[in-house]
């Protein structure tokens, strides 16, 4: 009988933030890193809100075992406000959510 030398942990929730590279962006990235521990970053050009000139965006993705969707949306709205954006795109478990200033 052999004993396995590893354990596994499944993190069921995937959370993605689509962050514009604006003033305050790095503070938000550092805050999310401290909150969730690990993440992946992918940079891309975004053409949002009918603009023809690209804006640099970063998709910041984290995985977690405990996450409430409503609290996540409220946190995304705080980030939207801090980055002085009219809207912010986020994904929660592969569901795209647009948080828009009211």
PDB file of N, CA and C in Angstrom:
ATOM      1  N   UNK A   1       0.839  -1.173   0.000  1.00  0.00           N
ATOM      2  CA  UNK A   1       0.000   0.000   0.000  1.00  0.00           C
ATOM      3  C   UNK A   1       0.893   1.248   0.000  1.00  0.00           C
ATOM      4  N   UNK A   2       0.648   2.171  -0.935  1.00  0.00           N
ATOM      5  CA  UNK A   2       1.460   3.389  -1.007  1.00  0.00           C
ATOM      6  C   UNK A   2       0.655   4.589  -0.513  1.00  0.00           C
ATOM      7  N   UNK A   3       1.369   5.513   0.091  1.00  0.00           N
ATOM      8  CA  UNK A   3       0.738   6.727   0.605  1.00  0.00           C
ATOM      9  C   UNK A   3       1.050   7.864  -0.362  1.00  0.00           C
ATOM     10  N   UNK A   4       0.026   8.628  -0.730  1.00  0.00           N
ATOM     11  CA  UNK A   4       0.227   9.763  -1.639  1.00  0.00           C
ATOM     12  C   UNK A   4       0.857  10.909  -0.864  1.00  0.00           C
ATOM     13  N   UNK A   5       1.814  11.588  -1.500  1.00  0.00           N
ATOM     14  CA  UNK A   5       2.531  12.669  -0.848  1.00  0.00           C
ATOM     15  C   UNK A   5       1.963  14.045  -1.146  1.00  0.00           C
ATOM     16  N   UNK A   6       0.672  14.137  -1.429  1.00  0.00           N
ATOM     17  CA  UNK A   6       0.086  15.449  -1.717  1.00  0.00           C
ATOM     18  C   UNK A   6      -1.372  15.475  -1.298  1.00  0.00           C
ATOM     19  N   UNK A   7      -1.889  16.685  -1.193  1.00  0.00           N
ATOM     20  CA  UNK A   7      -3.318  16.880  -0.966  1.00  0.00           C
ATOM     21  C   UNK A   7      -3.818  17.842  -2.032  1.00  0.00           C
ATOM     22  N   UNK A   8      -5.094  17.863  -2.261  1.00  0.00           N
ATOM     23  CA  UNK A   8      -5.672  18.797  -3.226  1.00  0.00           C
ATOM     24  C   UNK A   8      -6.729  19.639  -2.539  1.00  0.00           C
ATOM     25  N   UNK A   9      -6.939  20.816  -3.096  1.00  0.00           N
ATOM     26  CA  UNK A   9      -7.973  21.719  -2.603  1.00  0.00           C
ATOM     27  C   UNK A   9      -8.638  22.340  -3.816  1.00  0.00           C
ATOM     28  N   UNK A  10      -9.933  22.266  -3.881  1.00  0.00           N
ATOM     29  CA  UNK A  10     -10.691  22.837  -4.994  1.00  0.00           C
ATOM     30  C   UNK A  10     -11.240  24.183  -4.551  1.00  0.00           C
ATOM     31  N   UNK A  11     -10.947  25.217  -5.316  1.00  0.00           N
ATOM     32  CA  UNK A  11     -11.480  26.560  -5.052  1.00  0.00           C
ATOM     33  C   UNK A  11     -12.610  26.795  -6.048  1.00  0.00           C
ATOM     34  N   UNK A  12     -13.853  26.705  -5.599  1.00  0.00           N
ATOM     35  CA  UNK A  12     -14.986  26.675  -6.512  1.00  0.00           C
ATOM     36  C   UNK A  12     -15.370  28.009  -7.149  1.00  0.00           C
ATOM     37  N   UNK A  13     -14.922  29.123  -6.591  1.00  0.00           N
ATOM     38  CA  UNK A  13     -15.352  30.409  -7.124  1.00  0.00           C
ATOM     39  C   UNK A  13     -14.239  31.088  -7.902  1.00  0.00           C
ATOM     40  N   UNK A  14     -14.569  31.507  -9.114  1.00  0.00           N
ATOM     41  CA  UNK A  14     -13.657  32.262  -9.967  1.00  0.00           C
ATOM     42  C   UNK A  14     -14.164  33.698 -10.025  1.00  0.00           C
ATOM     43  N   UNK A  15     -13.274  34.635  -9.706  1.00  0.00           N
ATOM     44  CA  UNK A  15     -13.639  36.046  -9.661  1.00  0.00           C
ATOM     45  C   UNK A  15     -12.671  36.805 -10.557  1.00  0.00           C
ATOM     46  N   UNK A  16     -13.219  37.606 -11.487  1.00  0.00           N
ATOM     47  CA  UNK A  16     -12.384  38.373 -12.401  1.00  0.00           C
ATOM     48  C   UNK A  16     -12.796  39.836 -12.373  1.00  0.00           C
ATOM     49  N   UNK A  17     -11.806  40.700 -12.303  1.00  0.00           N
ATOM     50  CA  UNK A  17     -12.020  42.144 -12.364  1.00  0.00           C
ATOM     51  C   UNK A  17     -11.395  42.638 -13.664  1.00  0.00           C
ATOM     52  N   UNK A  18     -12.091  43.486 -14.409  1.00  0.00           N
ATOM     53  CA  UNK A  18     -11.539  44.116 -15.609  1.00  0.00           C
ATOM     54  C   UNK A  18     -11.222  45.561 -15.240  1.00  0.00           C
ATOM     55  N   UNK A  19      -9.956  45.807 -14.929  1.00  0.00           N
ATOM     56  CA  UNK A  19      -9.542  47.089 -14.366  1.00  0.00           C
ATOM     57  C   UNK A  19      -8.856  47.970 -15.404  1.00  0.00           C
ATOM     58  N   UNK A  20      -9.314  49.216 -15.548  1.00  0.00           N
ATOM     59  CA  UNK A  20      -8.614  50.149 -16.439  1.00  0.00           C
ATOM     60  C   UNK A  20      -7.307  50.589 -15.788  1.00  0.00           C
ATOM     61  N   UNK A  21      -6.293  50.801 -16.595  1.00  0.00           N
ATOM     62  CA  UNK A  21      -4.989  51.230 -16.065  1.00  0.00           C
ATOM     63  C   UNK A  21      -5.023  52.740 -15.843  1.00  0.00           C
ATOM     64  N   UNK A  22      -5.733  53.151 -14.813  1.00  0.00           N
ATOM     65  CA  UNK A  22      -5.875  54.564 -14.479  1.00  0.00           C
ATOM     66  C   UNK A  22      -5.200  54.835 -13.138  1.00  0.00           C
ATOM     67  N   UNK A  23      -5.210  56.095 -12.725  1.00  0.00           N
ATOM     68  CA  UNK A  23      -4.641  56.465 -11.437  1.00  0.00           C
ATOM     69  C   UNK A  23      -5.332  55.684 -10.322  1.00  0.00           C
ATOM     70  N   UNK A  24      -4.560  55.119  -9.434  1.00  0.00           N
ATOM     71  CA  UNK A  24      -5.087  54.324  -8.342  1.00  0.00           C
ATOM     72  C   UNK A  24      -5.173  52.843  -8.642  1.00  0.00           C
ATOM     73  N   UNK A  25      -4.892  52.464  -9.881  1.00  0.00           N
ATOM     74  CA  UNK A  25      -4.987  51.069 -10.317  1.00  0.00           C
ATOM     75  C   UNK A  25      -4.087  50.156  -9.472  1.00  0.00           C
ATOM     76  N   UNK A  26      -2.828  50.541  -9.269  1.00  0.00           N
ATOM     77  CA  UNK A  26      -1.887  49.692  -8.549  1.00  0.00           C
ATOM     78  C   UNK A  26      -2.295  49.498  -7.094  1.00  0.00           C
ATOM     79  N   UNK A  27      -2.886  50.512  -6.485  1.00  0.00           N
ATOM     80  CA  UNK A  27      -3.374  50.371  -5.106  1.00  0.00           C
ATOM     81  C   UNK A  27      -4.479  49.316  -5.039  1.00  0.00           C
ATOM     82  N   UNK A  28      -5.356  49.292  -6.032  1.00  0.00           N
ATOM     83  CA  UNK A  28      -6.436  48.306  -6.082  1.00  0.00           C
ATOM     84  C   UNK A  28      -5.852  46.906  -6.254  1.00  0.00           C
ATOM     85  N   UNK A  29      -4.874  46.760  -7.146  1.00  0.00           N
ATOM     86  CA  UNK A  29      -4.238  45.457  -7.364  1.00  0.00           C
ATOM     87  C   UNK A  29      -3.595  44.957  -6.071  1.00  0.00           C
ATOM     88  N   UNK A  30      -2.876  45.828  -5.369  1.00  0.00           N
ATOM     89  CA  UNK A  30      -2.236  45.434  -4.106  1.00  0.00           C
ATOM     90  C   UNK A  30      -3.276  45.036  -3.060  1.00  0.00           C
ATOM     91  N   UNK A  31      -4.388  45.766  -2.998  1.00  0.00           N
ATOM     92  CA  UNK A  31      -5.446  45.448  -2.040  1.00  0.00           C
ATOM     93  C   UNK A  31      -6.063  44.088  -2.327  1.00  0.00           C
ATOM     94  N   UNK A  32      -6.343  43.810  -3.600  1.00  0.00           N
ATOM     95  CA  UNK A  32      -6.926  42.513  -3.974  1.00  0.00           C
ATOM     96  C   UNK A  32      -5.936  41.390  -3.689  1.00  0.00           C
ATOM     97  N   UNK A  33      -4.653  41.618  -3.953  1.00  0.00           N
ATOM     98  CA  UNK A  33      -3.631  40.603  -3.666  1.00  0.00           C
ATOM     99  C   UNK A  33      -3.582  40.297  -2.178  1.00  0.00           C
ATOM    100  N   UNK A  34      -3.680  41.332  -1.339  1.00  0.00           N
ATOM    101  CA  UNK A  34      -3.632  41.090   0.103  1.00  0.00           C
ATOM    102  C   UNK A  34      -4.913  40.416   0.592  1.00  0.00           C
ATOM    103  N   UNK A  35      -6.025  40.679  -0.081  1.00  0.00           N
ATOM    104  CA  UNK A  35      -7.310  40.098   0.322  1.00  0.00           C
ATOM    105  C   UNK A  35      -7.415  38.620  -0.061  1.00  0.00           C
ATOM    106  N   UNK A  36      -6.945  38.271  -1.271  1.00  0.00           N
ATOM    107  CA  UNK A  36      -7.125  36.907  -1.785  1.00  0.00           C
ATOM    108  C   UNK A  36      -5.845  36.075  -1.805  1.00  0.00           C
ATOM    109  N   UNK A  37      -4.686  36.691  -1.683  1.00  0.00           N
ATOM    110  CA  UNK A  37      -3.443  35.937  -1.623  1.00  0.00           C
ATOM    111  C   UNK A  37      -2.757  35.736  -2.950  1.00  0.00           C
ATOM    112  N   UNK A  38      -3.423  35.163  -3.924  1.00  0.00           N
ATOM    113  CA  UNK A  38      -2.780  34.941  -5.218  1.00  0.00           C
ATOM    114  C   UNK A  38      -3.743  35.327  -6.331  1.00  0.00           C
ATOM    115  N   UNK A  39      -3.175  35.620  -7.485  1.00  0.00           N
ATOM    116  CA  UNK A  39      -3.998  36.078  -8.605  1.00  0.00           C
ATOM    117  C   UNK A  39      -3.216  35.926  -9.894  1.00  0.00           C
ATOM    118  N   UNK A  40      -3.911  36.092 -11.008  1.00  0.00           N
ATOM    119  CA  UNK A  40      -3.252  36.178 -12.308  1.00  0.00           C
ATOM    120  C   UNK A  40      -3.666  37.495 -12.951  1.00  0.00           C
ATOM    121  N   UNK A  41      -2.751  38.067 -13.731  1.00  0.00           N
ATOM    122  CA  UNK A  41      -3.004  39.336 -14.418  1.00  0.00           C
ATOM    123  C   UNK A  41      -2.772  39.143 -15.909  1.00  0.00           C
ATOM    124  N   UNK A  42      -3.716  39.605 -16.711  1.00  0.00           N
ATOM    125  CA  UNK A  42      -3.589  39.585 -18.165  1.00  0.00           C
ATOM    126  C   UNK A  42      -3.903  40.986 -18.660  1.00  0.00           C
ATOM    127  N   UNK A  43      -2.978  41.600 -19.391  1.00  0.00           N
ATOM    128  CA  UNK A  43      -3.189  42.951 -19.909  1.00  0.00           C
ATOM    129  C   UNK A  43      -3.736  42.876 -21.336  1.00  0.00           C
ATOM    130  N   UNK A  44      -4.672  43.788 -21.658  1.00  0.00           N
ATOM    131  CA  UNK A  44      -5.244  43.837 -23.007  1.00  0.00           C
ATOM    132  C   UNK A  44      -5.717  45.251 -23.321  1.00  0.00           C
ATOM    133  N   UNK A  45      -5.955  45.517 -24.605  1.00  0.00           N
ATOM    134  CA  UNK A  45      -6.534  46.789 -25.033  1.00  0.00           C
ATOM    135  C   UNK A  45      -8.047  46.645 -25.025  1.00  0.00           C
ATOM    136  N   UNK A  46      -8.733  47.612 -24.441  1.00  0.00           N
ATOM    137  CA  UNK A  46     -10.185  47.559 -24.371  1.00  0.00           C
ATOM    138  C   UNK A  46     -10.812  48.721 -25.119  1.00  0.00           C
ATOM    139  N   UNK A  47     -11.910  48.438 -25.792  1.00  0.00           N
ATOM    140  CA  UNK A  47     -12.680  49.451 -26.511  1.00  0.00           C
ATOM    141  C   UNK A  47     -14.077  49.458 -25.898  1.00  0.00           C
ATOM    142  N   UNK A  48     -14.236  50.199 -24.813  1.00  0.00           N
ATOM    143  CA  UNK A  48     -15.499  50.210 -24.091  1.00  0.00           C
ATOM    144  C   UNK A  48     -16.159  51.574 -24.190  1.00  0.00           C
ATOM    145  N   UNK A  49     -17.436  51.600 -23.880  1.00  0.00           N
ATOM    146  CA  UNK A  49     -18.241  52.820 -23.870  1.00  0.00           C
ATOM    147  C   UNK A  49     -18.178  53.563 -25.199  1.00  0.00           C
ATOM    148  N   UNK A  50     -18.144  52.825 -26.297  1.00  0.00           N
ATOM    149  CA  UNK A  50     -18.193  53.420 -27.629  1.00  0.00           C
ATOM    150  C   UNK A  50     -16.935  54.144 -28.055  1.00  0.00           C
ATOM    151  N   UNK A  51     -15.827  53.941 -27.366  1.00  0.00           N
ATOM    152  CA  UNK A  51     -14.580  54.626 -27.708  1.00  0.00           C
ATOM    153  C   UNK A  51     -13.862  53.876 -28.824  1.00  0.00           C
ATOM    154  N   UNK A  52     -13.219  54.642 -29.699  1.00  0.00           N
ATOM    155  CA  UNK A  52     -12.470  54.039 -30.794  1.00  0.00           C
ATOM    156  C   UNK A  52     -10.985  53.919 -30.476  1.00  0.00           C
ATOM    157  N   UNK A  53     -10.536  54.643 -29.485  1.00  0.00           N
ATOM    158  CA  UNK A  53      -9.135  54.549 -29.061  1.00  0.00           C
ATOM    159  C   UNK A  53      -9.047  53.526 -27.933  1.00  0.00           C
ATOM    160  N   UNK A  54      -8.079  52.634 -27.997  1.00  0.00           N
ATOM    161  CA  UNK A  54      -7.995  51.608 -26.955  1.00  0.00           C
ATOM    162  C   UNK A  54      -7.517  52.181 -25.625  1.00  0.00           C
ATOM    163  N   UNK A  55      -7.968  51.567 -24.577  1.00  0.00           N
ATOM    164  CA  UNK A  55      -7.521  51.872 -23.222  1.00  0.00           C
ATOM    165  C   UNK A  55      -6.884  50.590 -22.697  1.00  0.00           C
ATOM    166  N   UNK A  56      -5.765  50.704 -22.005  1.00  0.00           N
ATOM    167  CA  UNK A  56      -5.134  49.525 -21.421  1.00  0.00           C
ATOM    168  C   UNK A  56      -5.964  49.044 -20.233  1.00  0.00           C
ATOM    169  N   UNK A  57      -6.297  47.768 -20.233  1.00  0.00           N
ATOM    170  CA  UNK A  57      -7.022  47.131 -19.150  1.00  0.00           C
ATOM    171  C   UNK A  57      -6.219  45.938 -18.661  1.00  0.00           C
ATOM    172  N   UNK A  58      -6.502  45.528 -17.452  1.00  0.00           N
ATOM    173  CA  UNK A  58      -5.934  44.305 -16.904  1.00  0.00           C
ATOM    174  C   UNK A  58      -7.068  43.452 -16.383  1.00  0.00           C
ATOM    175  N   UNK A  59      -7.048  42.185 -16.785  1.00  0.00           N
ATOM    176  CA  UNK A  59      -7.992  41.232 -16.190  1.00  0.00           C
ATOM    177  C   UNK A  59      -7.282  40.605 -15.006  1.00  0.00           C
ATOM    178  N   UNK A  60      -7.802  40.853 -13.827  1.00  0.00           N
ATOM    179  CA  UNK A  60      -7.240  40.331 -12.595  1.00  0.00           C
ATOM    180  C   UNK A  60      -8.155  39.199 -12.137  1.00  0.00           C
ATOM    181  N   UNK A  61      -7.601  37.996 -12.034  1.00  0.00           N
ATOM    182  CA  UNK A  61      -8.408  36.824 -11.698  1.00  0.00           C
ATOM    183  C   UNK A  61      -7.915  36.190 -10.406  1.00  0.00           C
ATOM    184  N   UNK A  62      -8.863  35.880  -9.542  1.00  0.00           N
ATOM    185  CA  UNK A  62      -8.561  35.178  -8.302  1.00  0.00           C
ATOM    186  C   UNK A  62      -9.538  34.008  -8.162  1.00  0.00           C
ATOM    187  N   UNK A  63      -9.124  33.043  -7.394  1.00  0.00           N
ATOM    188  CA  UNK A  63      -9.980  31.897  -7.081  1.00  0.00           C
ATOM    189  C   UNK A  63     -10.070  31.791  -5.571  1.00  0.00           C
ATOM    190  N   UNK A  64     -11.253  31.474  -5.090  1.00  0.00           N
ATOM    191  CA  UNK A  64     -11.475  31.437  -3.649  1.00  0.00           C
ATOM    192  C   UNK A  64     -12.498  30.360  -3.304  1.00  0.00           C
ATOM    193  N   UNK A  65     -12.465  29.924  -2.062  1.00  0.00           N
ATOM    194  CA  UNK A  65     -13.437  28.905  -1.658  1.00  0.00           C
ATOM    195  C   UNK A  65     -14.699  29.498  -1.044  1.00  0.00           C
ATOM    196  N   UNK A  66     -14.599  30.711  -0.495  1.00  0.00           N
ATOM    197  CA  UNK A  66     -15.775  31.349   0.106  1.00  0.00           C
ATOM    198  C   UNK A  66     -15.972  32.725  -0.531  1.00  0.00           C
ATOM    199  N   UNK A  67     -17.137  32.954  -1.115  1.00  0.00           N
ATOM    200  CA  UNK A  67     -17.423  34.247  -1.732  1.00  0.00           C
ATOM    201  C   UNK A  67     -18.931  34.395  -1.871  1.00  0.00           C
ATOM    202  N   UNK A  68     -19.453  35.513  -1.391  1.00  0.00           N
ATOM    203  CA  UNK A  68     -20.865  35.831  -1.560  1.00  0.00           C
ATOM    204  C   UNK A  68     -20.986  36.805  -2.725  1.00  0.00           C
ATOM    205  N   UNK A  69     -21.846  36.478  -3.686  1.00  0.00           N
ATOM    206  CA  UNK A  69     -21.969  37.283  -4.900  1.00  0.00           C
ATOM    207  C   UNK A  69     -22.335  38.738  -4.596  1.00  0.00           C
ATOM    208  N   UNK A  70     -23.282  38.987  -3.723  1.00  0.00           N
ATOM    209  CA  UNK A  70     -23.712  40.361  -3.446  1.00  0.00           C
ATOM    210  C   UNK A  70     -22.589  41.175  -2.807  1.00  0.00           C
ATOM    211  N   UNK A  71     -21.839  40.579  -1.895  1.00  0.00           N
ATOM    212  CA  UNK A  71     -20.706  41.284  -1.273  1.00  0.00           C
ATOM    213  C   UNK A  71     -19.628  41.576  -2.311  1.00  0.00           C
ATOM    214  N   UNK A  72     -19.430  40.654  -3.252  1.00  0.00           N
ATOM    215  CA  UNK A  72     -18.475  40.853  -4.336  1.00  0.00           C
ATOM    216  C   UNK A  72     -18.901  42.039  -5.210  1.00  0.00           C
ATOM    217  N   UNK A  73     -20.174  42.132  -5.541  1.00  0.00           N
ATOM    218  CA  UNK A  73     -20.682  43.234  -6.361  1.00  0.00           C
ATOM    219  C   UNK A  73     -20.513  44.563  -5.614  1.00  0.00           C
ATOM    220  N   UNK A  74     -20.793  44.578  -4.323  1.00  0.00           N
ATOM    221  CA  UNK A  74     -20.606  45.796  -3.530  1.00  0.00           C
ATOM    222  C   UNK A  74     -19.136  46.213  -3.505  1.00  0.00           C
ATOM    223  N   UNK A  75     -18.236  45.252  -3.388  1.00  0.00           N
ATOM    224  CA  UNK A  75     -16.797  45.542  -3.413  1.00  0.00           C
ATOM    225  C   UNK A  75     -16.387  46.074  -4.795  1.00  0.00           C
ATOM    226  N   UNK A  76     -16.944  45.498  -5.853  1.00  0.00           N
ATOM    227  CA  UNK A  76     -16.647  45.972  -7.211  1.00  0.00           C
ATOM    228  C   UNK A  76     -17.107  47.421  -7.390  1.00  0.00           C
ATOM    229  N   UNK A  77     -18.235  47.792  -6.790  1.00  0.00           N
ATOM    230  CA  UNK A  77     -18.712  49.164  -6.884  1.00  0.00           C
ATOM    231  C   UNK A  77     -17.769  50.122  -6.160  1.00  0.00           C
ATOM    232  N   UNK A  78     -17.200  49.693  -5.036  1.00  0.00           N
ATOM    233  CA  UNK A  78     -16.210  50.509  -4.325  1.00  0.00           C
ATOM    234  C   UNK A  78     -14.988  50.728  -5.218  1.00  0.00           C
ATOM    235  N   UNK A  79     -14.539  49.672  -5.890  1.00  0.00           N
ATOM    236  CA  UNK A  79     -13.395  49.787  -6.796  1.00  0.00           C
ATOM    237  C   UNK A  79     -13.733  50.726  -7.953  1.00  0.00           C
ATOM    238  N   UNK A  80     -14.941  50.579  -8.529  1.00  0.00           N
ATOM    239  CA  UNK A  80     -15.373  51.448  -9.634  1.00  0.00           C
ATOM    240  C   UNK A  80     -15.286  52.907  -9.216  1.00  0.00           C
ATOM    241  N   UNK A  81     -15.767  53.189  -8.028  1.00  0.00           N
ATOM    242  CA  UNK A  81     -15.751  54.559  -7.520  1.00  0.00           C
ATOM    243  C   UNK A  81     -14.318  55.056  -7.292  1.00  0.00           C
ATOM    244  N   UNK A  82     -13.469  54.227  -6.693  1.00  0.00           N
ATOM    245  CA  UNK A  82     -12.077  54.615  -6.429  1.00  0.00           C
ATOM    246  C   UNK A  82     -11.308  54.915  -7.711  1.00  0.00           C
ATOM    247  N   UNK A  83     -11.623  54.174  -8.782  1.00  0.00           N
ATOM    248  CA  UNK A  83     -10.941  54.391 -10.059  1.00  0.00           C
ATOM    249  C   UNK A  83     -11.624  55.460 -10.912  1.00  0.00           C
ATOM    250  N   UNK A  84     -12.671  56.072 -10.353  1.00  0.00           N
ATOM    251  CA  UNK A  84     -13.408  57.153 -11.020  1.00  0.00           C
ATOM    252  C   UNK A  84     -13.953  56.715 -12.384  1.00  0.00           C
ATOM    253  N   UNK A  85     -14.594  55.546 -12.396  1.00  0.00           N
ATOM    254  CA  UNK A  85     -15.165  54.998 -13.616  1.00  0.00           C
ATOM    255  C   UNK A  85     -16.689  55.048 -13.563  1.00  0.00           C
ATOM    256  N   UNK A  86     -17.328  55.191 -14.734  1.00  0.00           N
ATOM    257  CA  UNK A  86     -18.787  55.125 -14.798  1.00  0.00           C
ATOM    258  C   UNK A  86     -19.280  53.694 -14.672  1.00  0.00           C
ATOM    259  N   UNK A  87     -18.457  52.742 -15.118  1.00  0.00           N
ATOM    260  CA  UNK A  87     -18.837  51.340 -15.034  1.00  0.00           C
ATOM    261  C   UNK A  87     -17.592  50.490 -14.828  1.00  0.00           C
ATOM    262  N   UNK A  88     -17.815  49.286 -14.349  1.00  0.00           N
ATOM    263  CA  UNK A  88     -16.729  48.333 -14.141  1.00  0.00           C
ATOM    264  C   UNK A  88     -17.267  46.949 -14.466  1.00  0.00           C
ATOM    265  N   UNK A  89     -16.552  46.222 -15.303  1.00  0.00           N
ATOM    266  CA  UNK A  89     -16.943  44.858 -15.647  1.00  0.00           C
ATOM    267  C   UNK A  89     -16.237  43.892 -14.706  1.00  0.00           C
ATOM    268  N   UNK A  90     -17.002  42.945 -14.186  1.00  0.00           N
ATOM    269  CA  UNK A  90     -16.472  41.897 -13.323  1.00  0.00           C
ATOM    270  C   UNK A  90     -17.145  40.580 -13.712  1.00  0.00           C
ATOM    271  N   UNK A  91     -16.499  39.486 -13.375  1.00  0.00           N
ATOM    272  CA  UNK A  91     -17.094  38.164 -13.587  1.00  0.00           C
ATOM    273  C   UNK A  91     -17.125  37.435 -12.267  1.00  0.00           C
ATOM    274  N   UNK A  92     -18.243  36.774 -12.026  1.00  0.00           N
ATOM    275  CA  UNK A  92     -18.384  35.930 -10.845  1.00  0.00           C
ATOM    276  C   UNK A  92     -18.824  34.564 -11.331  1.00  0.00           C
ATOM    277  N   UNK A  93     -17.978  33.562 -11.181  1.00  0.00           N
ATOM    278  CA  UNK A  93     -18.257  32.199 -11.645  1.00  0.00           C
ATOM    279  C   UNK A  93     -18.723  32.191 -13.107  1.00  0.00           C
ATOM    280  N   UNK A  94     -17.955  32.870 -13.961  1.00  0.00           N
ATOM    281  CA  UNK A  94     -18.195  32.950 -15.411  1.00  0.00           C
ATOM    282  C   UNK A  94     -19.489  33.664 -15.788  1.00  0.00           C
ATOM    283  N   UNK A  95     -19.992  34.504 -14.897  1.00  0.00           N
ATOM    284  CA  UNK A  95     -21.177  35.326 -15.195  1.00  0.00           C
ATOM    285  C   UNK A  95     -20.697  36.776 -15.233  1.00  0.00           C
ATOM    286  N   UNK A  96     -20.809  37.430 -16.390  1.00  0.00           N
ATOM    287  CA  UNK A  96     -20.360  38.812 -16.547  1.00  0.00           C
ATOM    288  C   UNK A  96     -21.364  39.752 -15.878  1.00  0.00           C
ATOM    289  N   UNK A  97     -20.841  40.656 -15.046  1.00  0.00           N
ATOM    290  CA  UNK A  97     -21.670  41.621 -14.335  1.00  0.00           C
ATOM    291  C   UNK A  97     -21.099  43.005 -14.599  1.00  0.00           C
ATOM    292  N   UNK A  98     -21.932  43.924 -15.032  1.00  0.00           N
ATOM    293  CA  UNK A  98     -21.525  45.319 -15.221  1.00  0.00           C
ATOM    294  C   UNK A  98     -22.045  46.123 -14.031  1.00  0.00           C
ATOM    295  N   UNK A  99     -21.118  46.722 -13.304  1.00  0.00           N
ATOM    296  CA  UNK A  99     -21.483  47.573 -12.176  1.00  0.00           C
ATOM    297  C   UNK A  99     -21.437  48.998 -12.704  1.00  0.00           C
ATOM    298  N   UNK A 100     -22.601  49.657 -12.770  1.00  0.00           N
ATOM    299  CA  UNK A 100     -22.734  50.958 -13.419  1.00  0.00           C
ATOM    300  C   UNK A 100     -23.160  52.008 -12.393  1.00  0.00           C
ATOM    301  N   UNK A 101     -22.536  53.164 -12.484  1.00  0.00           N
ATOM    302  CA  UNK A 101     -22.882  54.274 -11.600  1.00  0.00           C
ATOM    303  C   UNK A 101     -24.357  54.621 -11.789  1.00  0.00           C
ATOM    304  N   UNK A 102     -25.084  54.804 -10.668  1.00  0.00           N
ATOM    305  CA  UNK A 102     -26.510  55.129 -10.790  1.00  0.00           C
ATOM    306  C   UNK A 102     -26.722  56.615 -10.801  1.00  0.00           C
TER     307      UNK A 102
END
